[in-house]
Amino acid sequence: MRSAAALDSVMRTLADPTRRGIFERIVKSGEIRVVELTQGSGVTQGAISQHLHSLKRAGLIADRAQGRNVFYRAEPKGLAPLVDWMGHYGVFWRQRFVNLRTLLKEIDR
């Protein structure tokens, strides 16, 4: 499993609903500018920029400057600590579902 600090950073960053929404918009768009993220969000450009800073610090997004514009894109590797953590618990749930399936078959008899 990856470091606890990396997992804490990703979980803390995505715990904020506004930040999670921004991240989802970035994922869906492929690449997007701050001005596009601000439009229709009900959040100021300054607040969007702060959320982007948090997402970048957690390794969830990367940016690319082109002239006056900065384009943001999702960084799939940034979710690795969360995926690793969930995978660890996936084993637990798979066994529980096998047990449940067995119990349900026994009840149906």
PDB file of N, CA and C in Angstrom:
ATOM      1  N   MET A   1       0.849  -1.172   0.000  1.00  0.00           N
ATOM      2  CA  MET A   1       0.000   0.000   0.000  1.00  0.00           C
ATOM      3  C   MET A   1       0.900   1.243   0.000  1.00  0.00           C
ATOM      4  N   ARG A   2       0.443   2.275  -0.645  1.00  0.00           N
ATOM      5  CA  ARG A   2       1.206   3.520  -0.704  1.00  0.00           C
ATOM      6  C   ARG A   2       1.196   4.205   0.653  1.00  0.00           C
ATOM      7  N   SER A   3       1.946   5.280   0.750  1.00  0.00           N
ATOM      8  CA  SER A   3       2.080   5.951   2.036  1.00  0.00           C
ATOM      9  C   SER A   3       0.740   6.482   2.541  1.00  0.00           C
ATOM     10  N   ALA A   4       0.616   6.482   3.853  1.00  0.00           N
ATOM     11  CA  ALA A   4      -0.602   6.987   4.488  1.00  0.00           C
ATOM     12  C   ALA A   4      -0.778   8.475   4.204  1.00  0.00           C
ATOM     13  N   ALA A   5       0.315   9.205   4.121  1.00  0.00           N
ATOM     14  CA  ALA A   5       0.229  10.649   3.856  1.00  0.00           C
ATOM     15  C   ALA A   5      -0.382  10.916   2.484  1.00  0.00           C
ATOM     16  N   ALA A   6       0.005  10.137   1.488  1.00  0.00           N
ATOM     17  CA  ALA A   6      -0.548  10.321   0.140  1.00  0.00           C
ATOM     18  C   ALA A   6      -2.033  10.002   0.124  1.00  0.00           C
ATOM     19  N   LEU A   7      -2.423   8.934   0.791  1.00  0.00           N
ATOM     20  CA  LEU A   7      -3.837   8.568   0.874  1.00  0.00           C
ATOM     21  C   LEU A   7      -4.631   9.648   1.611  1.00  0.00           C
ATOM     22  N   ASP A   8      -4.094  10.124   2.723  1.00  0.00           N
ATOM     23  CA  ASP A   8      -4.763  11.183   3.481  1.00  0.00           C
ATOM     24  C   ASP A   8      -4.952  12.426   2.630  1.00  0.00           C
ATOM     25  N   SER A   9      -3.939  12.772   1.864  1.00  0.00           N
ATOM     26  CA  SER A   9      -3.998  13.962   1.017  1.00  0.00           C
ATOM     27  C   SER A   9      -5.097  13.839  -0.038  1.00  0.00           C
ATOM     28  N   VAL A  10      -5.166  12.692  -0.708  1.00  0.00           N
ATOM     29  CA  VAL A  10      -6.187  12.478  -1.740  1.00  0.00           C
ATOM     30  C   VAL A  10      -7.573  12.479  -1.122  1.00  0.00           C
ATOM     31  N   MET A  11      -7.750  11.770  -0.011  1.00  0.00           N
ATOM     32  CA  MET A  11      -9.069  11.695   0.625  1.00  0.00           C
ATOM     33  C   MET A  11      -9.511  13.064   1.147  1.00  0.00           C
ATOM     34  N   ARG A  12      -8.603  13.785   1.768  1.00  0.00           N
ATOM     35  CA  ARG A  12      -8.930  15.109   2.296  1.00  0.00           C
ATOM     36  C   ARG A  12      -9.300  16.058   1.153  1.00  0.00           C
ATOM     37  N   THR A  13      -8.563  15.977   0.074  1.00  0.00           N
ATOM     38  CA  THR A  13      -8.814  16.855  -1.066  1.00  0.00           C
ATOM     39  C   THR A  13     -10.171  16.560  -1.690  1.00  0.00           C
ATOM     40  N   LEU A  14     -10.492  15.303  -1.892  1.00  0.00           N
ATOM     41  CA  LEU A  14     -11.754  14.935  -2.541  1.00  0.00           C
ATOM     42  C   LEU A  14     -12.947  14.954  -1.588  1.00  0.00           C
ATOM     43  N   ALA A  15     -12.708  15.159  -0.303  1.00  0.00           N
ATOM     44  CA  ALA A  15     -13.809  15.218   0.660  1.00  0.00           C
ATOM     45  C   ALA A  15     -14.646  16.486   0.485  1.00  0.00           C
ATOM     46  N   ASP A  16     -14.051  17.525  -0.055  1.00  0.00           N
ATOM     47  CA  ASP A  16     -14.775  18.780  -0.263  1.00  0.00           C
ATOM     48  C   ASP A  16     -15.657  18.647  -1.505  1.00  0.00           C
ATOM     49  N   PRO A  17     -16.975  18.841  -1.376  1.00  0.00           N
ATOM     50  CA  PRO A  17     -17.871  18.632  -2.522  1.00  0.00           C
ATOM     51  C   PRO A  17     -17.607  19.570  -3.703  1.00  0.00           C
ATOM     52  N   THR A  18     -17.231  20.807  -3.426  1.00  0.00           N
ATOM     53  CA  THR A  18     -16.924  21.738  -4.523  1.00  0.00           C
ATOM     54  C   THR A  18     -15.689  21.284  -5.266  1.00  0.00           C
ATOM     55  N   ARG A  19     -14.666  20.900  -4.531  1.00  0.00           N
ATOM     56  CA  ARG A  19     -13.417  20.439  -5.146  1.00  0.00           C
ATOM     57  C   ARG A  19     -13.651  19.154  -5.928  1.00  0.00           C
ATOM     58  N   ARG A  20     -14.473  18.263  -5.376  1.00  0.00           N
ATOM     59  CA  ARG A  20     -14.793  17.013  -6.069  1.00  0.00           C
ATOM     60  C   ARG A  20     -15.528  17.312  -7.373  1.00  0.00           C
ATOM     61  N   GLY A  21     -16.435  18.279  -7.346  1.00  0.00           N
ATOM     62  CA  GLY A  21     -17.143  18.676  -8.559  1.00  0.00           C
ATOM     63  C   GLY A  21     -16.214  19.252  -9.603  1.00  0.00           C
ATOM     64  N   ILE A  22     -15.264  20.065  -9.170  1.00  0.00           N
ATOM     65  CA  ILE A  22     -14.266  20.631 -10.099  1.00  0.00           C
ATOM     66  C   ILE A  22     -13.446  19.506 -10.707  1.00  0.00           C
ATOM     67  N   PHE A  23     -13.029  18.564  -9.874  1.00  0.00           N
ATOM     68  CA  PHE A  23     -12.234  17.437 -10.374  1.00  0.00           C
ATOM     69  C   PHE A  23     -13.029  16.637 -11.407  1.00  0.00           C
ATOM     70  N   GLU A  24     -14.303  16.395 -11.132  1.00  0.00           N
ATOM     71  CA  GLU A  24     -15.146  15.647 -12.065  1.00  0.00           C
ATOM     72  C   GLU A  24     -15.287  16.390 -13.398  1.00  0.00           C
ATOM     73  N   ARG A  25     -15.426  17.712 -13.341  1.00  0.00           N
ATOM     74  CA  ARG A  25     -15.526  18.495 -14.580  1.00  0.00           C
ATOM     75  C   ARG A  25     -14.230  18.411 -15.378  1.00  0.00           C
ATOM     76  N   ILE A  26     -13.100  18.426 -14.682  1.00  0.00           N
ATOM     77  CA  ILE A  26     -11.810  18.311 -15.365  1.00  0.00           C
ATOM     78  C   ILE A  26     -11.696  16.940 -16.020  1.00  0.00           C
ATOM     79  N   VAL A  27     -12.071  15.902 -15.303  1.00  0.00           N
ATOM     80  CA  VAL A  27     -12.006  14.540 -15.845  1.00  0.00           C
ATOM     81  C   VAL A  27     -12.858  14.426 -17.100  1.00  0.00           C
ATOM     82  N   LYS A  28     -14.085  14.950 -17.048  1.00  0.00           N
ATOM     83  CA  LYS A  28     -15.004  14.846 -18.189  1.00  0.00           C
ATOM     84  C   LYS A  28     -14.548  15.660 -19.388  1.00  0.00           C
ATOM     85  N   SER A  29     -13.891  16.773 -19.145  1.00  0.00           N
ATOM     86  CA  SER A  29     -13.520  17.661 -20.249  1.00  0.00           C
ATOM     87  C   SER A  29     -12.202  17.279 -20.909  1.00  0.00           C
ATOM     88  N   GLY A  30     -11.394  16.542 -20.242  1.00  0.00           N
ATOM     89  CA  GLY A  30     -10.065  16.229 -20.783  1.00  0.00           C
ATOM     90  C   GLY A  30      -9.075  17.305 -20.412  1.00  0.00           C
ATOM     91  N   GLU A  31      -9.343  18.517 -20.864  1.00  0.00           N
ATOM     92  CA  GLU A  31      -8.516  19.666 -20.533  1.00  0.00           C
ATOM     93  C   GLU A  31      -9.422  20.894 -20.481  1.00  0.00           C
ATOM     94  N   ILE A  32      -9.218  21.747 -19.483  1.00  0.00           N
ATOM     95  CA  ILE A  32     -10.129  22.879 -19.303  1.00  0.00           C
ATOM     96  C   ILE A  32      -9.389  24.046 -18.651  1.00  0.00           C
ATOM     97  N   ARG A  33      -9.839  25.267 -18.961  1.00  0.00           N
ATOM     98  CA  ARG A  33      -9.253  26.476 -18.384  1.00  0.00           C
ATOM     99  C   ARG A  33     -10.058  26.912 -17.162  1.00  0.00           C
ATOM    100  N   VAL A  34      -9.441  27.751 -16.322  1.00  0.00           N
ATOM    101  CA  VAL A  34     -10.103  28.251 -15.116  1.00  0.00           C
ATOM    102  C   VAL A  34     -11.384  28.984 -15.469  1.00  0.00           C
ATOM    103  N   VAL A  35     -11.337  29.801 -16.500  1.00  0.00           N
ATOM    104  CA  VAL A  35     -12.517  30.582 -16.871  1.00  0.00           C
ATOM    105  C   VAL A  35     -13.692  29.668 -17.214  1.00  0.00           C
ATOM    106  N   GLU A  36     -13.425  28.543 -17.836  1.00  0.00           N
ATOM    107  CA  GLU A  36     -14.486  27.586 -18.174  1.00  0.00           C
ATOM    108  C   GLU A  36     -15.009  26.888 -16.920  1.00  0.00           C
ATOM    109  N   LEU A  37     -14.122  26.626 -15.979  1.00  0.00           N
ATOM    110  CA  LEU A  37     -14.553  26.016 -14.717  1.00  0.00           C
ATOM    111  C   LEU A  37     -15.416  26.973 -13.909  1.00  0.00           C
ATOM    112  N   THR A  38     -15.122  28.262 -14.005  1.00  0.00           N
ATOM    113  CA  THR A  38     -15.858  29.274 -13.247  1.00  0.00           C
ATOM    114  C   THR A  38     -17.263  29.475 -13.800  1.00  0.00           C
ATOM    115  N   GLN A  39     -17.407  29.436 -15.116  1.00  0.00           N
ATOM    116  CA  GLN A  39     -18.704  29.680 -15.745  1.00  0.00           C
ATOM    117  C   GLN A  39     -19.754  28.684 -15.259  1.00  0.00           C
ATOM    118  N   GLY A  40     -20.854  29.225 -14.747  1.00  0.00           N
ATOM    119  CA  GLY A  40     -21.968  28.387 -14.321  1.00  0.00           C
ATOM    120  C   GLY A  40     -21.746  27.613 -13.037  1.00  0.00           C
ATOM    121  N   SER A  41     -20.619  27.843 -12.361  1.00  0.00           N
ATOM    122  CA  SER A  41     -20.330  27.068 -11.154  1.00  0.00           C
ATOM    123  C   SER A  41     -20.864  27.723  -9.889  1.00  0.00           C
ATOM    124  N   GLY A  42     -21.117  29.036  -9.940  1.00  0.00           N
ATOM    125  CA  GLY A  42     -21.540  29.744  -8.740  1.00  0.00           C
ATOM    126  C   GLY A  42     -20.404  29.977  -7.770  1.00  0.00           C
ATOM    127  N   VAL A  43     -19.168  29.752  -8.216  1.00  0.00           N
ATOM    128  CA  VAL A  43     -17.976  29.910  -7.387  1.00  0.00           C
ATOM    129  C   VAL A  43     -17.084  30.956  -8.063  1.00  0.00           C
ATOM    130  N   THR A  44     -16.446  31.798  -7.270  1.00  0.00           N
ATOM    131  CA  THR A  44     -15.585  32.828  -7.837  1.00  0.00           C
ATOM    132  C   THR A  44     -14.332  32.218  -8.457  1.00  0.00           C
ATOM    133  N   GLN A  45     -13.716  32.968  -9.354  1.00  0.00           N
ATOM    134  CA  GLN A  45     -12.489  32.484  -9.990  1.00  0.00           C
ATOM    135  C   GLN A  45     -11.379  32.286  -8.959  1.00  0.00           C
ATOM    136  N   GLY A  46     -11.334  33.166  -7.958  1.00  0.00           N
ATOM    137  CA  GLY A  46     -10.339  33.016  -6.894  1.00  0.00           C
ATOM    138  C   GLY A  46     -10.519  31.718  -6.123  1.00  0.00           C
ATOM    139  N   ALA A  47     -11.774  31.379  -5.822  1.00  0.00           N
ATOM    140  CA  ALA A  47     -12.055  30.132  -5.102  1.00  0.00           C
ATOM    141  C   ALA A  47     -11.715  28.923  -5.965  1.00  0.00           C
ATOM    142  N   ILE A  48     -12.050  28.998  -7.259  1.00  0.00           N
ATOM    143  CA  ILE A  48     -11.700  27.907  -8.179  1.00  0.00           C
ATOM    144  C   ILE A  48     -10.190  27.710  -8.189  1.00  0.00           C
ATOM    145  N   SER A  49      -9.451  28.817  -8.255  1.00  0.00           N
ATOM    146  CA  SER A  49      -7.987  28.734  -8.273  1.00  0.00           C
ATOM    147  C   SER A  49      -7.445  28.078  -7.010  1.00  0.00           C
ATOM    148  N   GLN A  50      -8.043  28.391  -5.853  1.00  0.00           N
ATOM    149  CA  GLN A  50      -7.609  27.757  -4.601  1.00  0.00           C
ATOM    150  C   GLN A  50      -7.886  26.250  -4.626  1.00  0.00           C
ATOM    151  N   HIS A  51      -9.046  25.878  -5.134  1.00  0.00           N
ATOM    152  CA  HIS A  51      -9.373  24.454  -5.233  1.00  0.00           C
ATOM    153  C   HIS A  51      -8.423  23.750  -6.202  1.00  0.00           C
ATOM    154  N   LEU A  52      -8.100  24.400  -7.302  1.00  0.00           N
ATOM    155  CA  LEU A  52      -7.159  23.818  -8.266  1.00  0.00           C
ATOM    156  C   LEU A  52      -5.787  23.622  -7.623  1.00  0.00           C
ATOM    157  N   HIS A  53      -5.384  24.570  -6.807  1.00  0.00           N
ATOM    158  CA  HIS A  53      -4.099  24.450  -6.110  1.00  0.00           C
ATOM    159  C   HIS A  53      -4.099  23.210  -5.203  1.00  0.00           C
ATOM    160  N   SER A  54      -5.195  23.005  -4.478  1.00  0.00           N
ATOM    161  CA  SER A  54      -5.303  21.829  -3.605  1.00  0.00           C
ATOM    162  C   SER A  54      -5.279  20.534  -4.415  1.00  0.00           C
ATOM    163  N   LEU A  55      -6.018  20.513  -5.523  1.00  0.00           N
ATOM    164  CA  LEU A  55      -6.044  19.319  -6.377  1.00  0.00           C
ATOM    165  C   LEU A  55      -4.662  19.024  -6.953  1.00  0.00           C
ATOM    166  N   LYS A  56      -3.953  20.074  -7.338  1.00  0.00           N
ATOM    167  CA  LYS A  56      -2.609  19.897  -7.895  1.00  0.00           C
ATOM    168  C   LYS A  56      -1.640  19.413  -6.821  1.00  0.00           C
ATOM    169  N   ARG A  57      -1.715  19.997  -5.618  1.00  0.00           N
ATOM    170  CA  ARG A  57      -0.836  19.602  -4.520  1.00  0.00           C
ATOM    171  C   ARG A  57      -1.048  18.131  -4.149  1.00  0.00           C
ATOM    172  N   ALA A  58      -2.283  17.641  -4.281  1.00  0.00           N
ATOM    173  CA  ALA A  58      -2.584  16.234  -3.980  1.00  0.00           C
ATOM    174  C   ALA A  58      -2.189  15.311  -5.132  1.00  0.00           C
ATOM    175  N   GLY A  59      -1.752  15.885  -6.257  1.00  0.00           N
ATOM    176  CA  GLY A  59      -1.329  15.067  -7.394  1.00  0.00           C
ATOM    177  C   GLY A  59      -2.479  14.606  -8.271  1.00  0.00           C
ATOM    178  N   LEU A  60      -3.655  15.216  -8.110  1.00  0.00           N
ATOM    179  CA  LEU A  60      -4.835  14.776  -8.852  1.00  0.00           C
ATOM    180  C   LEU A  60      -4.981  15.457 -10.211  1.00  0.00           C
ATOM    181  N   ILE A  61      -4.339  16.610 -10.389  1.00  0.00           N
ATOM    182  CA  ILE A  61      -4.394  17.306 -11.672  1.00  0.00           C
ATOM    183  C   ILE A  61      -3.005  17.821 -12.034  1.00  0.00           C
ATOM    184  N   ALA A  62      -2.854  18.131 -13.306  1.00  0.00           N
ATOM    185  CA  ALA A  62      -1.632  18.762 -13.812  1.00  0.00           C
ATOM    186  C   ALA A  62      -2.065  19.946 -14.653  1.00  0.00           C
ATOM    187  N   ASP A  63      -1.151  20.880 -14.846  1.00  0.00           N
ATOM    188  CA  ASP A  63      -1.493  22.042 -15.663  1.00  0.00           C
ATOM    189  C   ASP A  63      -0.490  22.216 -16.792  1.00  0.00           C
ATOM    190  N   ARG A  64      -0.948  22.972 -17.804  1.00  0.00           N
ATOM    191  CA  ARG A  64      -0.120  23.254 -18.971  1.00  0.00           C
ATOM    192  C   ARG A  64      -0.404  24.685 -19.391  1.00  0.00           C
ATOM    193  N   ALA A  65       0.643  25.510 -19.393  1.00  0.00           N
ATOM    194  CA  ALA A  65       0.480  26.902 -19.802  1.00  0.00           C
ATOM    195  C   ALA A  65       0.610  27.004 -21.321  1.00  0.00           C
ATOM    196  N   GLN A  66      -0.272  27.826 -21.890  1.00  0.00           N
ATOM    197  CA  GLN A  66      -0.210  28.116 -23.318  1.00  0.00           C
ATOM    198  C   GLN A  66      -0.581  29.587 -23.479  1.00  0.00           C
ATOM    199  N   GLY A  67       0.428  30.413 -23.665  1.00  0.00           N
ATOM    200  CA  GLY A  67       0.193  31.850 -23.714  1.00  0.00           C
ATOM    201  C   GLY A  67      -0.346  32.332 -22.383  1.00  0.00           C
ATOM    202  N   ARG A  68      -1.468  33.048 -22.413  1.00  0.00           N
ATOM    203  CA  ARG A  68      -2.089  33.551 -21.187  1.00  0.00           C
ATOM    204  C   ARG A  68      -2.959  32.504 -20.502  1.00  0.00           C
ATOM    205  N   ASN A  69      -3.226  31.431 -21.169  1.00  0.00           N
ATOM    206  CA  ASN A  69      -4.122  30.398 -20.635  1.00  0.00           C
ATOM    207  C   ASN A  69      -3.349  29.291 -19.943  1.00  0.00           C
ATOM    208  N   VAL A  70      -3.972  28.765 -18.903  1.00  0.00           N
ATOM    209  CA  VAL A  70      -3.462  27.565 -18.228  1.00  0.00           C
ATOM    210  C   VAL A  70      -4.553  26.514 -18.353  1.00  0.00           C
ATOM    211  N   PHE A  71      -4.186  25.371 -18.892  1.00  0.00           N
ATOM    212  CA  PHE A  71      -5.118  24.267 -19.089  1.00  0.00           C
ATOM    213  C   PHE A  71      -4.871  23.224 -18.005  1.00  0.00           C
ATOM    214  N   TYR A  72      -5.946  22.727 -17.427  1.00  0.00           N
ATOM    215  CA  TYR A  72      -5.865  21.714 -16.380  1.00  0.00           C
ATOM    216  C   TYR A  72      -6.404  20.392 -16.896  1.00  0.00           C
ATOM    217  N   ARG A  73      -5.754  19.317 -16.500  1.00  0.00           N
ATOM    218  CA  ARG A  73      -6.185  17.975 -16.882  1.00  0.00           C
ATOM    219  C   ARG A  73      -6.016  17.051 -15.672  1.00  0.00           C
ATOM    220  N   ALA A  74      -6.809  15.999 -15.654  1.00  0.00           N
ATOM    221  CA  ALA A  74      -6.725  15.022 -14.560  1.00  0.00           C
ATOM    222  C   ALA A  74      -5.435  14.242 -14.679  1.00  0.00           C
ATOM    223  N   GLU A  75      -4.890  13.895 -13.547  1.00  0.00           N
ATOM    224  CA  GLU A  75      -3.667  13.096 -13.473  1.00  0.00           C
ATOM    225  C   GLU A  75      -4.050  11.740 -12.878  1.00  0.00           C
ATOM    226  N   PRO A  76      -4.304  10.729 -13.725  1.00  0.00           N
ATOM    227  CA  PRO A  76      -4.793   9.437 -13.225  1.00  0.00           C
ATOM    228  C   PRO A  76      -3.920   8.820 -12.133  1.00  0.00           C
ATOM    229  N   LYS A  77      -2.616   9.022 -12.205  1.00  0.00           N
ATOM    230  CA  LYS A  77      -1.720   8.457 -11.187  1.00  0.00           C
ATOM    231  C   LYS A  77      -2.024   9.010  -9.801  1.00  0.00           C
ATOM    232  N   GLY A  78      -2.645  10.190  -9.751  1.00  0.00           N
ATOM    233  CA  GLY A  78      -2.952  10.802  -8.471  1.00  0.00           C
ATOM    234  C   GLY A  78      -3.964  10.023  -7.653  1.00  0.00           C
ATOM    235  N   LEU A  79      -4.793   9.232  -8.321  1.00  0.00           N
ATOM    236  CA  LEU A  79      -5.794   8.428  -7.616  1.00  0.00           C
ATOM    237  C   LEU A  79      -5.237   7.091  -7.130  1.00  0.00           C
ATOM    238  N   ALA A  80      -4.000   6.789  -7.463  1.00  0.00           N
ATOM    239  CA  ALA A  80      -3.414   5.494  -7.109  1.00  0.00           C
ATOM    240  C   ALA A  80      -3.480   5.171  -5.614  1.00  0.00           C
ATOM    241  N   PRO A  81      -3.185   6.120  -4.711  1.00  0.00           N
ATOM    242  CA  PRO A  81      -3.295   5.768  -3.281  1.00  0.00           C
ATOM    243  C   PRO A  81      -4.705   5.343  -2.881  1.00  0.00           C
ATOM    244  N   LEU A  82      -5.698   6.003  -3.442  1.00  0.00           N
ATOM    245  CA  LEU A  82      -7.089   5.668  -3.137  1.00  0.00           C
ATOM    246  C   LEU A  82      -7.470   4.314  -3.738  1.00  0.00           C
ATOM    247  N   VAL A  83      -7.049   4.064  -4.957  1.00  0.00           N
ATOM    248  CA  VAL A  83      -7.336   2.788  -5.615  1.00  0.00           C
ATOM    249  C   VAL A  83      -6.664   1.641  -4.864  1.00  0.00           C
ATOM    250  N   ASP A  84      -5.418   1.852  -4.439  1.00  0.00           N
ATOM    251  CA  ASP A  84      -4.710   0.820  -3.660  1.00  0.00           C
ATOM    252  C   ASP A  84      -5.448   0.515  -2.359  1.00  0.00           C
ATOM    253  N   TRP A  85      -5.882   1.567  -1.677  1.00  0.00           N
ATOM    254  CA  TRP A  85      -6.581   1.401  -0.407  1.00  0.00           C
ATOM    255  C   TRP A  85      -7.891   0.657  -0.610  1.00  0.00           C
ATOM    256  N   MET A  86      -8.641   1.042  -1.636  1.00  0.00           N
ATOM    257  CA  MET A  86      -9.909   0.371  -1.925  1.00  0.00           C
ATOM    258  C   MET A  86      -9.672  -1.081  -2.336  1.00  0.00           C
ATOM    259  N   GLY A  87      -8.610  -1.348  -3.066  1.00  0.00           N
ATOM    260  CA  GLY A  87      -8.286  -2.713  -3.458  1.00  0.00           C
ATOM    261  C   GLY A  87      -8.020  -3.595  -2.258  1.00  0.00           C
ATOM    262  N   HIS A  88      -7.392  -3.025  -1.265  1.00  0.00           N
ATOM    263  CA  HIS A  88      -7.111  -3.763  -0.032  1.00  0.00           C
ATOM    264  C   HIS A  88      -8.412  -4.232   0.618  1.00  0.00           C
ATOM    265  N   TYR A  89      -9.422  -3.389   0.609  1.00  0.00           N
ATOM    266  CA  TYR A  89     -10.703  -3.738   1.202  1.00  0.00           C
ATOM    267  C   TYR A  89     -11.594  -4.515   0.251  1.00  0.00           C
ATOM    268  N   GLY A  90     -11.269  -4.522  -1.029  1.00  0.00           N
ATOM    269  CA  GLY A  90     -12.032  -5.296  -1.998  1.00  0.00           C
ATOM    270  C   GLY A  90     -12.012  -6.774  -1.679  1.00  0.00           C
ATOM    271  N   VAL A  91     -10.889  -7.271  -1.197  1.00  0.00           N
ATOM    272  CA  VAL A  91     -10.767  -8.676  -0.809  1.00  0.00           C
ATOM    273  C   VAL A  91     -11.775  -8.989   0.300  1.00  0.00           C
ATOM    274  N   PHE A  92     -11.872  -8.112   1.250  1.00  0.00           N
ATOM    275  CA  PHE A  92     -12.815  -8.268   2.359  1.00  0.00           C
ATOM    276  C   PHE A  92     -14.243  -8.391   1.827  1.00  0.00           C
ATOM    277  N   TRP A  93     -14.646  -7.485   0.934  1.00  0.00           N
ATOM    278  CA  TRP A  93     -16.016  -7.476   0.426  1.00  0.00           C
ATOM    279  C   TRP A  93     -16.297  -8.646  -0.494  1.00  0.00           C
ATOM    280  N   ARG A  94     -15.332  -9.056  -1.306  1.00  0.00           N
ATOM    281  CA  ARG A  94     -15.547 -10.208  -2.191  1.00  0.00           C
ATOM    282  C   ARG A  94     -15.902 -11.442  -1.376  1.00  0.00           C
ATOM    283  N   GLN A  95     -15.180 -11.670  -0.286  1.00  0.00           N
ATOM    284  CA  GLN A  95     -15.461 -12.837   0.549  1.00  0.00           C
ATOM    285  C   GLN A  95     -16.836 -12.716   1.191  1.00  0.00           C
ATOM    286  N   ARG A  96     -17.223 -11.529   1.595  1.00  0.00           N
ATOM    287  CA  ARG A  96     -18.542 -11.333   2.195  1.00  0.00           C
ATOM    288  C   ARG A  96     -19.646 -11.636   1.184  1.00  0.00           C
ATOM    289  N   PHE A  97     -19.447 -11.222  -0.073  1.00  0.00           N
ATOM    290  CA  PHE A  97     -20.449 -11.490  -1.107  1.00  0.00           C
ATOM    291  C   PHE A  97     -20.530 -12.981  -1.428  1.00  0.00           C
ATOM    292  N   VAL A  98     -19.409 -13.665  -1.399  1.00  0.00           N
ATOM    293  CA  VAL A  98     -19.426 -15.119  -1.597  1.00  0.00           C
ATOM    294  C   VAL A  98     -20.224 -15.768  -0.471  1.00  0.00           C
ATOM    295  N   ASN A  99     -19.989 -15.337   0.759  1.00  0.00           N
ATOM    296  CA  ASN A  99     -20.726 -15.883   1.902  1.00  0.00           C
ATOM    297  C   ASN A  99     -22.221 -15.593   1.784  1.00  0.00           C
ATOM    298  N   LEU A 100     -22.559 -14.393   1.360  1.00  0.00           N
ATOM    299  CA  LEU A 100     -23.959 -14.018   1.187  1.00  0.00           C
ATOM    300  C   LEU A 100     -24.617 -14.865   0.099  1.00  0.00           C
ATOM    301  N   ARG A 101     -23.932 -15.060  -1.012  1.00  0.00           N
ATOM    302  CA  ARG A 101     -24.460 -15.868  -2.113  1.00  0.00           C
ATOM    303  C   ARG A 101     -24.729 -17.292  -1.626  1.00  0.00           C
ATOM    304  N   THR A 102     -23.804 -17.851  -0.863  1.00  0.00           N
ATOM    305  CA  THR A 102     -23.966 -19.198  -0.322  1.00  0.00           C
ATOM    306  C   THR A 102     -25.172 -19.259   0.617  1.00  0.00           C
ATOM    307  N   LEU A 103     -25.288 -18.272   1.473  1.00  0.00           N
ATOM    308  CA  LEU A 103     -26.421 -18.231   2.397  1.00  0.00           C
ATOM    309  C   LEU A 103     -27.740 -18.121   1.656  1.00  0.00           C
ATOM    310  N   LEU A 104     -27.813 -17.292   0.644  1.00  0.00           N
ATOM    311  CA  LEU A 104     -29.041 -17.133  -0.128  1.00  0.00           C
ATOM    312  C   LEU A 104     -29.428 -18.423  -0.853  1.00  0.00           C
ATOM    313  N   LYS A 105     -28.434 -19.146  -1.365  1.00  0.00           N
ATOM    314  CA  LYS A 105     -28.718 -20.426  -2.025  1.00  0.00           C
ATOM    315  C   LYS A 105     -29.277 -21.423  -1.017  1.00  0.00           C
ATOM    316  N   GLU A 106     -28.731 -21.413   0.192  1.00  0.00           N
ATOM    317  CA  GLU A 106     -29.214 -22.336   1.224  1.00  0.00           C
ATOM    318  C   GLU A 106     -30.655 -21.984   1.618  1.00  0.00           C
ATOM    319  N   ILE A 107     -30.972 -20.712   1.695  1.00  0.00           N
ATOM    320  CA  ILE A 107     -32.323 -20.288   2.069  1.00  0.00           C
ATOM    321  C   ILE A 107     -33.327 -20.683   0.994  1.00  0.00           C
ATOM    322  N   ASP A 108     -32.927 -20.619  -0.282  1.00  0.00           N
ATOM    323  CA  ASP A 108     -33.815 -20.933  -1.415  1.00  0.00           C
ATOM    324  C   ASP A 108     -34.147 -22.422  -1.493  1.00  0.00           C
ATOM    325  N   ARG A 109     -33.393 -23.262  -0.852  1.00  0.00           N
ATOM    326  CA  ARG A 109     -33.621 -24.723  -0.948  1.00  0.00           C
ATOM    327  C   ARG A 109     -34.851 -25.130  -0.286  1.00  0.00           C
TER     328      ARG A 109
END
